Amino acid sequence: LDQKELEMNLIFAKMRAQLLQAIPASSGPPSGKQAVSSRSDDVTAGWRDLGGPFYRALALQREREKENQNLREIVARRRGELDQLHQQLDQLGISRSGTKPTLAAFSFSNLETSP
């Protein structure tokens, strides 16, 4: 994910440079620093409009990836517990109804929500 973020930063840097070149200087007789400052302000405002939603989406994606990883760990622990219970049933000679439970029969309603 960090590599993707670096790639996007490069893309945005190129876009910013292109915007600086594309935005015409303000009308009237511009003095050197005022024209650059005006263009820079316009580009910065445009950058906020474009970059803000991207970075919010990136932060949300990272949150969801962490949550997904936590849920995968919980499911893995529960499957391990289930395997241990199956082994205990086998050792006791108790039938498991002849079939192993499938993922479709696994209930997610009892899962922990925090690691």
Protein backbone atom coordinates (compact mmCIF):
# COMPACT_ATOMS: atom_id res chain seq x y z
CA LEU A 1 0.00 0.00 0.00
CA ASP A 2 2.86 2.39 0.75
CA GLN A 3 4.18 1.85 -2.77
CA LYS A 4 0.77 2.82 -4.18
CA GLU A 5 0.78 5.94 -2.01
CA LEU A 6 4.21 6.90 -3.34
CA GLU A 7 3.00 6.36 -6.91
CA MET A 8 -0.04 8.55 -6.27
CA ASN A 9 2.13 11.25 -4.71
CA LEU A 10 4.26 11.28 -7.86
CA ILE A 11 1.16 11.51 -10.03
CA PHE A 12 -0.20 14.39 -7.95
CA ALA A 13 3.16 16.17 -8.04
CA LYS A 14 3.14 15.95 -11.84
CA MET A 15 -0.45 17.21 -11.94
CA ARG A 16 0.47 20.12 -9.68
CA ALA A 17 3.36 21.06 -11.97
CA GLN A 18 1.06 20.85 -15.00
CA LEU A 19 -1.52 23.01 -13.26
CA LEU A 20 1.11 25.62 -12.49
CA GLN A 21 2.01 25.73 -16.18
CA ALA A 22 -1.60 25.72 -17.39
CA ILE A 23 -3.06 28.41 -15.14
CA PRO A 24 -2.61 31.74 -16.86
CA ALA A 25 -1.12 34.61 -14.93
CA SER A 26 -3.68 37.03 -13.46
CA SER A 27 -4.84 39.81 -15.76
CA GLY A 28 -3.26 43.25 -15.56
CA PRO A 29 0.38 44.10 -15.37
CA PRO A 30 1.73 41.39 -13.09
CA SER A 31 4.77 41.93 -11.07
CA GLY A 32 6.93 38.80 -10.96
CA LYS A 33 6.25 37.57 -7.43
CA GLN A 34 2.53 38.50 -7.45
CA ALA A 35 1.89 36.49 -10.62
CA VAL A 36 3.67 33.44 -9.27
CA SER A 37 1.95 33.83 -5.91
CA SER A 38 -1.48 34.10 -7.54
CA ARG A 39 -0.87 31.05 -9.69
CA SER A 40 0.49 29.17 -6.72
CA ASP A 41 -2.61 30.02 -4.64
CA ASP A 42 -4.88 28.82 -7.46
CA VAL A 43 -2.92 25.60 -7.77
CA THR A 44 -2.92 25.04 -4.03
CA ALA A 45 -6.70 25.48 -3.90
CA GLY A 46 -7.09 23.06 -6.80
CA TRP A 47 -4.72 20.64 -5.13
CA ARG A 48 -6.82 20.66 -1.95
CA ASP A 49 -9.94 19.99 -3.98
CA LEU A 50 -8.35 17.02 -5.74
CA GLY A 51 -6.03 15.66 -3.06
CA GLY A 52 -8.31 15.90 -0.03
CA PRO A 53 -10.82 13.26 -1.10
CA PHE A 54 -8.01 10.99 -2.25
CA TYR A 55 -6.24 11.08 1.11
CA ARG A 56 -9.52 10.58 3.01
CA ALA A 57 -10.24 7.53 0.86
CA LEU A 58 -6.72 6.23 1.44
CA ALA A 59 -7.10 6.57 5.22
CA LEU A 60 -10.48 4.81 5.11
CA GLN A 61 -8.98 2.01 3.00
CA ARG A 62 -6.21 1.50 5.57
CA GLU A 63 -8.77 1.33 8.39
CA ARG A 64 -10.79 -1.25 6.50
CA GLU A 65 -7.68 -3.32 5.74
CA LYS A 66 -6.79 -3.39 9.45
CA GLU A 67 -10.35 -4.38 10.34
CA ASN A 68 -10.31 -7.07 7.66
CA GLN A 69 -7.03 -8.45 8.99
CA ASN A 70 -8.44 -8.54 12.54
CA LEU A 71 -11.50 -10.41 11.31
CA ARG A 72 -9.34 -12.90 9.41
CA GLU A 73 -7.34 -13.56 12.59
CA ILE A 74 -10.53 -14.12 14.58
CA VAL A 75 -11.85 -16.56 11.98
CA ALA A 76 -8.51 -18.41 11.94
CA ARG A 77 -8.58 -18.72 15.76
CA ARG A 78 -12.17 -19.97 15.67
CA ARG A 79 -11.32 -22.54 13.01
CA GLY A 80 -8.42 -23.71 15.16
CA GLU A 81 -10.76 -24.05 18.14
CA LEU A 82 -13.21 -25.98 15.99
CA ASP A 83 -10.45 -28.33 14.82
CA GLN A 84 -9.43 -28.93 18.45
CA LEU A 85 -13.03 -29.74 19.35
CA HIS A 86 -13.23 -32.16 16.42
CA GLN A 87 -10.06 -33.88 17.62
CA GLN A 88 -11.49 -34.22 21.10
CA LEU A 89 -14.69 -35.71 19.67
CA ASP A 90 -12.62 -38.15 17.63
CA GLN A 91 -10.60 -39.16 20.71
CA LEU A 92 -13.80 -39.78 22.65
CA GLY A 93 -15.28 -41.74 19.74
CA ILE A 94 -18.27 -39.44 19.45
CA SER A 95 -19.75 -39.04 15.98
CA ARG A 96 -19.77 -35.63 14.37
CA SER A 97 -22.94 -36.44 12.45
CA GLY A 98 -20.83 -37.94 9.71
CA THR A 99 -19.89 -34.62 8.07
CA LYS A 100 -17.53 -31.78 8.73
CA PRO A 101 -19.18 -28.39 9.03
CA THR A 102 -18.69 -26.22 6.01
CA LEU A 103 -17.97 -22.51 5.92
CA ALA A 104 -21.62 -21.93 4.99
CA ALA A 105 -22.67 -23.57 8.26
CA PHE A 106 -20.22 -21.45 10.27
CA SER A 107 -21.98 -18.69 12.18
CA PHE A 108 -20.28 -15.31 12.23
CA SER A 109 -22.77 -13.89 14.73
CA ASN A 110 -20.71 -15.09 17.72
CA LEU A 111 -17.38 -13.69 16.57
CA GLU A 112 -15.47 -11.26 18.72
CA THR A 113 -15.25 -7.76 17.33
CA SER A 114 -11.88 -6.91 18.84
CA PRO A 115 -8.64 -8.88 18.71
